[in-house]
Amino acid sequence: MMPVTILTGFLGAGKTTLLKRILSEFHGRRIAVIENEFGPENIDNELLIQDSDEEIIELSNGCVCCTVRGDLMRTLNDLRIRREAGELSFERVIIETTGMANPGPVCQTFFMDDEIAEYYRLDAVITVVDAKHGMVTLDKQEESQKQIGFADKILISKKDLVNEADYEALRARIMRINPRVTITPVHFGETDINELLDISGFNLNAILDIDPEFLNEEPEHEHDDKHTHDHEHDETCGSGCTHHDHHHHAAHSDEIGAFVFRAKRPFDPERLEDFLGGVTQVFGPDLLRYKGILYLKGVNRRMLFQGVHMMMGAEPGKPWLANEKPETKMVFIGRKLPQEVFTQGLEHCLV
């Protein structure tokens, strides 16, 4: 299947710079880039064979570039038809969203439309965050929090413009919003392009990566007393919130947050399905990404599940080993989710 990467990020964080580099670097991969037309600048014209009004332009290195003037589904189907007819040659697709966009609807396209789902495979959402302006953008733009909530990988640009303490504060805040994301500082001249492609962030078999600190029951290090009273436990704290970083935490009550549900008892599969169906109907628009390894009664292997908004899927994973204690681990990332409602509901689904 044709892998698709969604590239999103704050305005001015460096998405277009990164994209130009991916396109101009010779790495033997032919890429089709779909750009939202309101990017601050389009792909460099010197890369283009022709600068025309056509929606799809071939670049001099064999890559293809198109703007979404109409609907994303139409553009993807158009690319597929032209590739199958031998008119275009490409091996993967990168969709660059605008700096203000919520990546959710773009992700959903790959689950909703059968024709697209059978040809294209959503690989990952990559979000570019600007180290210098990241905190302010997160304070002011809820869309930027959604871009972090959806991300499988975060690239932090302009790290050289901030001190280490500010960088660590931004990193800690990102981890609270999305504890399953990998964060890499980048200099766009040096990033290894291969690390951005084929991440399998939407692959159910991918390991459920959650920041280990997020799951610690016990704090790993003592805190300076003057910071500890700043912390109010709120809905952005996970069940395993260790209150590290209190002095930063108090200042930012982000709309988007995450929590983890864990259980050693198995789920009753029917009750769980009913409950998840119900919460996705009610909270679907505010549920960004959710993912988990489930321990189900009567099933001798782990079930892997994940969802975006109201769309969710599950598939069998590896069998539980004889020496393993089966356990459920689920992470929910969303906007002002009532953790109590989810936790109590899930507990009622346990056998």
Protein backbone atom coordinates (compact mmCIF):
# COMPACT_ATOMS: atom_id res chain seq x y z
CA MET A 1 0.00 0.00 0.00
CA MET A 2 1.06 3.56 -0.64
CA PRO A 3 2.37 5.14 2.61
CA VAL A 4 1.14 8.63 3.52
CA THR A 5 2.75 11.04 5.99
CA ILE A 6 0.84 14.05 7.30
CA LEU A 7 3.15 16.99 8.02
CA THR A 8 1.66 19.60 10.29
CA GLY A 9 2.97 22.24 12.65
CA PHE A 10 2.96 25.77 13.91
CA LEU A 11 3.07 28.67 11.47
CA GLY A 12 6.68 29.59 10.81
CA ALA A 13 8.06 26.50 12.56
CA GLY A 14 9.77 25.29 9.40
CA LYS A 15 7.42 22.82 7.67
CA THR A 16 8.09 24.20 4.21
CA THR A 17 11.86 24.27 4.80
CA LEU A 18 11.70 20.63 5.82
CA LEU A 19 9.54 19.75 2.82
CA LYS A 20 11.89 21.45 0.38
CA ARG A 21 14.72 19.47 1.84
CA ILE A 22 12.85 16.17 1.55
CA LEU A 23 12.07 16.96 -2.08
CA SER A 24 15.46 18.26 -3.11
CA GLU A 25 17.61 15.69 -1.35
CA PHE A 26 18.43 12.77 -3.54
CA HIS A 27 17.29 9.74 -1.60
CA GLY A 28 15.97 7.63 -4.44
CA ARG A 29 12.33 7.98 -3.41
CA ARG A 30 9.73 9.57 -5.61
CA ILE A 31 7.30 11.50 -3.45
CA ALA A 32 3.97 13.12 -4.20
CA VAL A 33 3.44 16.19 -2.04
CA ILE A 34 -0.08 17.49 -1.50
CA GLU A 35 0.00 21.06 -0.28
CA ASN A 36 -2.81 23.11 1.15
CA GLU A 37 -2.78 26.10 -1.10
CA PHE A 38 -2.49 28.69 1.66
CA GLY A 39 1.05 27.78 2.70
CA PRO A 40 3.18 30.89 3.41
CA GLU A 41 5.18 29.97 0.32
CA ASN A 42 4.85 27.21 -2.21
CA ILE A 43 7.53 24.69 -3.05
CA ASP A 44 10.45 26.51 -4.66
CA ASN A 45 9.73 27.24 -8.28
CA GLU A 46 13.28 26.32 -9.24
CA LEU A 47 12.40 22.75 -8.34
CA LEU A 48 9.55 22.75 -10.84
CA ILE A 49 9.70 21.58 -14.42
CA GLN A 50 6.91 23.93 -15.33
CA ASP A 51 5.12 26.59 -13.39
CA SER A 52 1.58 26.28 -14.63
CA ASP A 53 -1.94 26.59 -13.33
CA GLU A 54 -2.24 22.83 -13.31
CA GLU A 55 -3.02 21.30 -9.93
CA ILE A 56 -0.41 18.56 -10.32
CA ILE A 57 3.12 19.52 -11.33
CA GLU A 58 6.05 17.20 -11.85
CA LEU A 59 9.29 18.31 -10.24
CA SER A 60 12.64 18.03 -11.96
CA ASN A 61 13.70 15.19 -9.62
CA GLY A 62 10.69 13.06 -10.53
CA CYS A 63 8.64 13.97 -7.47
CA VAL A 64 5.13 15.32 -7.93
CA CYS A 65 3.61 18.35 -6.26
CA CYS A 66 -0.08 19.27 -6.11
CA THR A 67 -2.29 21.72 -4.30
CA VAL A 68 -5.60 20.76 -2.72
CA ARG A 69 -7.94 23.19 -4.37
CA GLY A 70 -10.84 20.82 -4.09
CA ASP A 71 -11.35 17.94 -1.77
CA LEU A 72 -8.50 15.84 -0.38
CA MET A 73 -10.25 12.59 -1.35
CA ARG A 74 -10.61 13.79 -4.94
CA THR A 75 -6.93 14.74 -5.10
CA LEU A 76 -5.83 11.36 -3.69
CA ASN A 77 -8.08 9.49 -6.14
CA ASP A 78 -6.80 11.62 -9.01
CA LEU A 79 -3.18 10.81 -8.08
CA ARG A 80 -4.03 7.12 -7.89
CA ILE A 81 -5.72 7.09 -11.32
CA ARG A 82 -2.81 8.90 -12.96
CA ARG A 83 -0.26 6.64 -11.29
CA GLU A 84 -2.10 3.49 -12.35
CA ALA A 85 -2.31 4.84 -15.91
CA GLY A 86 1.48 5.28 -15.88
CA GLU A 87 1.28 9.09 -16.21
CA LEU A 88 2.90 9.75 -12.82
CA SER A 89 5.52 7.91 -10.82
CA PHE A 90 5.68 8.16 -7.03
CA GLU A 91 6.15 5.80 -4.09
CA ARG A 92 4.76 7.76 -1.16
CA VAL A 93 2.64 10.79 -0.34
CA ILE A 94 3.30 13.66 2.05
CA ILE A 95 0.37 15.95 2.91
CA GLU A 96 1.37 19.36 4.24
CA THR A 97 -1.46 20.96 6.21
CA THR A 98 -1.69 24.67 6.92
CA GLY A 99 -0.26 26.03 10.14
CA MET A 100 -3.73 26.55 11.58
CA ALA A 101 -5.17 23.16 10.68
CA ASN A 102 -6.40 20.40 12.96
CA PRO A 103 -4.97 17.18 11.44
CA GLY A 104 -7.99 15.13 12.62
CA PRO A 105 -10.19 15.39 9.52
CA VAL A 106 -7.18 14.65 7.28
CA CYS A 107 -6.46 11.46 9.30
CA GLN A 108 -10.10 10.43 9.13
CA THR A 109 -10.07 10.53 5.32
CA PHE A 110 -7.95 7.36 5.40
CA PHE A 111 -10.45 5.47 7.53
CA MET A 112 -13.71 6.67 6.04
CA ASP A 113 -13.41 6.18 2.31
CA ASP A 114 -13.05 2.57 1.15
CA GLU A 115 -11.30 3.39 -2.12
CA ILE A 116 -8.70 5.45 -0.31
CA ALA A 117 -8.34 2.94 2.52
CA GLU A 118 -7.56 0.09 0.14
CA TYR A 119 -4.84 1.98 -1.75
CA TYR A 120 -3.25 4.34 0.79
CA ARG A 121 -1.87 3.53 4.24
CA LEU A 122 -1.67 6.36 6.75
CA ASP A 123 1.84 6.06 8.18
CA ALA A 124 2.19 8.89 10.70
CA VAL A 125 1.49 12.46 11.70
CA ILE A 126 4.65 14.56 12.09
CA THR A 127 4.32 17.93 13.83
CA VAL A 128 6.95 20.67 13.65
CA VAL A 129 7.14 22.88 16.76
CA ASP A 130 9.15 26.06 17.04
CA ALA A 131 11.22 26.07 20.26
CA LYS A 132 11.29 29.85 20.46
CA HIS A 133 7.57 30.52 20.07
CA GLY A 134 6.19 27.10 21.05
CA MET A 135 4.97 27.99 24.55
CA VAL A 136 3.17 31.14 23.40
CA THR A 137 1.57 29.35 20.44
CA LEU A 138 0.33 26.59 22.75
CA ASP A 139 -1.11 29.21 25.10
CA LYS A 140 -2.95 31.04 22.34
CA GLN A 141 -3.89 28.42 19.74
CA GLU A 142 -5.91 25.37 20.67
CA GLU A 143 -5.27 24.03 17.15
CA SER A 144 -1.57 23.83 17.99
CA GLN A 145 -2.43 21.62 20.98
CA LYS A 146 -4.42 19.37 18.64
CA GLN A 147 -1.43 19.15 16.30
CA ILE A 148 0.60 17.84 19.24
CA GLY A 149 -2.19 15.53 20.42
CA PHE A 150 -2.34 13.86 17.00
CA ALA A 151 1.40 13.56 16.46
CA ASP A 152 3.39 10.33 16.27
CA LYS A 153 6.63 12.27 16.03
CA ILE A 154 7.43 15.85 17.00
CA LEU A 155 10.32 17.79 15.51
CA ILE A 156 11.41 20.82 17.54
CA SER A 157 13.04 23.48 15.40
CA LYS A 158 15.10 26.54 16.43
CA LYS A 159 16.32 24.90 19.64
CA ASP A 160 19.54 26.92 19.34
CA LEU A 161 17.49 30.08 20.01
CA VAL A 162 16.41 29.04 23.53
CA ASN A 163 18.19 27.99 26.71
CA GLU A 164 18.10 24.42 28.02
CA ALA A 165 15.57 25.16 30.80
CA ASP A 166 13.07 26.66 28.33
CA TYR A 167 13.54 23.75 25.95
CA GLU A 168 12.96 21.22 28.76
CA ALA A 169 9.84 23.10 29.91
CA LEU A 170 8.41 22.95 26.37
CA ARG A 171 9.34 19.27 26.09
CA ALA A 172 7.64 18.46 29.42
CA ARG A 173 4.50 20.31 28.35
CA ILE A 174 4.36 18.43 25.04
CA MET A 175 4.73 15.13 26.93
CA ARG A 176 1.79 15.99 29.17
CA ILE A 177 -0.36 16.67 26.12
CA ASN A 178 0.82 13.53 24.30
CA PRO A 179 2.80 10.97 26.32
CA ARG A 180 3.11 8.54 23.40
CA VAL A 181 4.98 10.85 21.04
CA THR A 182 8.70 10.82 20.20
CA ILE A 183 10.37 14.23 20.32
CA THR A 184 13.48 15.09 18.30
CA PRO A 185 15.21 18.47 18.13
CA VAL A 186 16.03 19.16 14.47
CA HIS A 187 18.37 21.27 12.42
CA PHE A 188 16.71 21.06 9.07
CA GLY A 189 20.03 20.86 7.35
CA GLU A 190 20.89 17.65 9.19
CA THR A 191 17.75 15.63 9.93
CA ASP A 192 17.90 12.08 8.63
CA ILE A 193 14.98 11.95 6.22
CA ASN A 194 14.67 8.18 6.70
CA GLU A 195 13.68 8.78 10.33
CA LEU A 196 10.60 10.69 9.16
CA LEU A 197 9.28 8.07 6.77
CA ASP A 198 7.88 4.63 7.62
CA ILE A 199 7.24 5.32 11.31
CA SER A 200 4.08 3.15 11.34
CA GLY A 201 2.42 5.41 13.88
CA PHE A 202 -1.02 4.22 12.77
CA ASN A 203 0.01 0.59 12.62
CA LEU A 204 -1.79 -1.28 15.37
CA ASN A 205 1.19 -3.58 15.78
CA ALA A 206 3.47 -0.69 16.63
CA ILE A 207 4.47 -0.78 20.28
CA LEU A 208 2.32 1.33 22.56
CA ASP A 209 4.94 3.91 23.35
CA ILE A 210 4.15 5.98 26.40
CA ASP A 211 6.62 8.22 28.16
CA PRO A 212 7.82 5.99 31.04
CA GLU A 213 7.80 8.93 33.46
CA PHE A 214 4.14 9.41 32.71
CA LEU A 215 3.41 5.92 33.99
CA ASN A 216 5.56 6.02 37.11
CA GLU A 217 3.56 5.57 40.26
CA GLU A 218 6.36 7.04 42.35
CA PRO A 219 8.27 10.26 41.66
CA GLU A 220 11.81 9.50 40.57
CA HIS A 221 13.36 12.57 42.09
CA GLU A 222 12.65 14.85 45.01
CA HIS A 223 11.41 18.35 44.33
CA ASP A 224 12.44 21.62 45.73
CA ASP A 225 9.77 22.51 48.31
CA LYS A 226 8.96 25.89 46.90
CA HIS A 227 7.64 24.30 43.70
CA THR A 228 5.43 21.59 45.12
CA HIS A 229 2.56 23.71 46.36
CA ASP A 230 2.02 25.19 42.88
CA HIS A 231 0.57 22.01 41.53
CA GLU A 232 -3.15 21.45 41.37
CA HIS A 233 -4.17 18.01 40.22
CA ASP A 234 -6.30 18.58 37.13
CA GLU A 235 -7.70 16.72 34.16
CA THR A 236 -4.48 17.05 32.19
CA CYS A 237 -2.69 14.89 34.76
CA GLY A 238 -2.66 11.21 34.01
CA SER A 239 -3.51 8.56 36.55
CA GLY A 240 0.24 8.15 36.88
CA CYS A 241 0.98 11.85 37.14
CA THR A 242 4.06 12.13 39.30
CA HIS A 243 3.81 15.92 39.52
CA HIS A 244 7.29 16.32 38.14
CA ASP A 245 7.80 19.79 36.76
CA HIS A 246 5.22 21.41 39.01
CA HIS A 247 6.34 24.96 38.51
CA HIS A 248 5.74 24.75 34.76
CA HIS A 249 2.63 22.64 35.11
CA ALA A 250 0.77 25.18 37.16
CA ALA A 251 1.12 27.89 34.54
CA HIS A 252 -0.45 25.95 31.67
CA SER A 253 -3.83 24.30 31.90
CA ASP A 254 -3.90 23.07 28.31
CA GLU A 255 -7.25 22.15 26.78
CA ILE A 256 -5.67 19.04 25.30
CA GLY A 257 -4.33 16.46 27.71
CA ALA A 258 -3.81 12.76 28.18
CA PHE A 259 -4.46 10.05 30.71
CA VAL A 260 -3.65 6.38 30.92
CA PHE A 261 -5.92 3.55 32.06
CA ARG A 262 -4.34 0.33 33.33
CA ALA A 263 -5.95 -2.84 34.68
CA LYS A 264 -4.79 -6.31 35.65
CA ARG A 265 -8.30 -7.82 35.45
CA PRO A 266 -9.65 -8.75 32.01
CA PHE A 267 -12.39 -6.86 30.19
CA ASP A 268 -15.76 -8.37 29.36
CA PRO A 269 -15.55 -7.88 25.55
CA GLU A 270 -19.25 -7.06 24.99
CA ARG A 271 -19.45 -4.55 27.82
CA LEU A 272 -16.23 -2.90 26.62
CA GLU A 273 -17.50 -2.62 23.06
CA ASP A 274 -20.75 -1.03 24.24
CA PHE A 275 -18.92 1.42 26.47
CA LEU A 276 -16.34 2.46 23.86
CA GLY A 277 -19.10 2.83 21.27
CA GLY A 278 -20.94 5.12 23.66
CA VAL A 279 -18.02 7.33 24.67
CA THR A 280 -16.86 7.78 21.07
CA GLN A 281 -20.37 8.96 20.16
CA VAL A 282 -20.44 11.45 23.02
CA PHE A 283 -16.80 12.59 23.14
CA GLY A 284 -15.72 11.71 19.57
CA PRO A 285 -15.02 15.27 18.42
CA ASP A 286 -12.87 15.87 21.52
CA LEU A 287 -11.06 12.50 21.40
CA LEU A 288 -7.99 13.04 19.26
CA ARG A 289 -6.04 9.79 19.43
CA TYR A 290 -6.50 6.76 21.64
CA LYS A 291 -4.56 3.57 21.58
CA GLY A 292 -4.18 0.51 23.74
CA ILE A 293 -3.22 -3.06 24.47
CA LEU A 294 -6.27 -4.86 25.82
CA TYR A 295 -6.57 -7.91 28.05
CA LEU A 296 -9.91 -9.54 27.18
CA LYS A 297 -11.64 -12.42 28.91
CA GLY A 298 -11.46 -15.65 26.92
CA VAL A 299 -8.83 -14.33 24.51
CA ASN A 300 -5.35 -15.78 24.93
CA ARG A 301 -3.59 -12.96 23.11
CA ARG A 302 -3.42 -9.21 23.48
CA MET A 303 -5.83 -7.15 21.42
CA LEU A 304 -4.45 -3.96 19.90
CA PHE A 305 -6.81 -1.09 19.41
CA GLN A 306 -6.69 2.54 18.36
CA GLY A 307 -8.91 5.32 17.19
CA VAL A 308 -9.16 8.84 15.83
CA HIS A 309 -12.27 10.78 16.88
CA MET A 310 -15.18 8.35 16.31
CA MET A 311 -13.30 5.85 14.18
CA MET A 312 -11.74 2.91 15.96
CA GLY A 313 -10.31 -0.44 15.03
CA ALA A 314 -8.90 -3.50 16.79
CA GLU A 315 -6.88 -6.50 15.76
CA PRO A 316 -5.25 -9.46 17.52
CA GLY A 317 -1.66 -9.03 18.66
CA LYS A 318 0.90 -11.44 20.08
CA PRO A 319 -0.22 -14.25 22.43
CA TRP A 320 0.35 -13.69 26.14
CA LEU A 321 3.40 -15.70 27.21
CA ALA A 322 3.18 -18.24 30.02
CA ASN A 323 5.38 -16.10 32.32
CA GLU A 324 3.60 -12.84 31.44
CA LYS A 325 0.95 -11.22 33.60
CA PRO A 326 -1.66 -9.98 31.11
CA GLU A 327 -2.51 -6.31 31.59
CA THR A 328 -4.53 -3.62 29.83
CA LYS A 329 -2.83 -0.31 29.03
CA MET A 330 -4.77 2.41 27.23
CA VAL A 331 -3.90 6.02 26.55
CA PHE A 332 -6.51 8.66 25.67
CA ILE A 333 -5.52 12.05 24.25
CA GLY A 334 -8.20 14.67 23.86
CA ARG A 335 -9.77 17.98 24.74
CA LYS A 336 -11.00 18.35 28.32
CA LEU A 337 -11.89 14.67 28.60
CA PRO A 338 -13.60 13.75 31.90
CA GLN A 339 -11.06 11.23 33.17
CA GLU A 340 -13.41 10.04 35.95
CA VAL A 341 -16.15 9.14 33.46
CA PHE A 342 -13.73 7.12 31.35
CA THR A 343 -12.01 5.43 34.29
CA GLN A 344 -15.21 4.44 36.07
CA GLY A 345 -16.82 3.30 32.83
CA LEU A 346 -13.83 1.16 31.90
CA GLU A 347 -13.69 -0.30 35.43
CA HIS A 348 -17.35 -1.36 35.05
CA CYS A 349 -16.34 -3.28 31.92
CA LEU A 350 -13.82 -5.41 33.83
CA VAL A 351 -14.76 -8.99 34.70
